[in-house]
Amino acid sequence: MRPTKSRSWFTRLTKSTARATGRPATFMVAVGVVAVWAATGPLFGFSDTWQLVINTGTTIVTFLMVFLIQSTQNRDAEAVQVKLDEIIRAVGNAKNELLDLEELDERELDRIRDTYRAMARTAREHTDEERTGKRPGRKPSPRH
């Protein structure tokens, strides 16, 4: 299955806008706009209207960017989940019941996370035993 170009105008718009706004040149344009606005302050006597221009402009841009960023993050998170699901499915000893963890509520996720933390703790203890040659609470065995 090959990725195809999105048919949704909104997806294409959010992808291209996110790509464009994440570039250094775009940041420099934004800095330039603020610099021009600040430089024109004395020309307009630092009036309320002069301040309103930057406040309104930045508010509108911020408001729109929230939705753009959320859309991009949602799409990226779903893509990562699908990729992880495929890796879990493809690995022989993986637990397929982990495929849709993102659908569980927080309590269930915490329970599963606790299980994996316990497994990690046991594995670390086992590694420590192999490395040091001793078990917790026991004297080291003599080596020849």
Foldseek 3Di string as FASTA:
>chain_A
DDDDDDPDPLVVVLVVVVVVCPDPVVVVVVVVVVVVLVVCCVVVVVDPVSVVVVVVVVVVVVVVVVVSVVVVVVVVVVVVLVVVLVVQVPDDPHDNVCSPVVPDDPVVVVVVVVVVVVVVVVVVQVVVCVVVQDHPPDDHDDDD
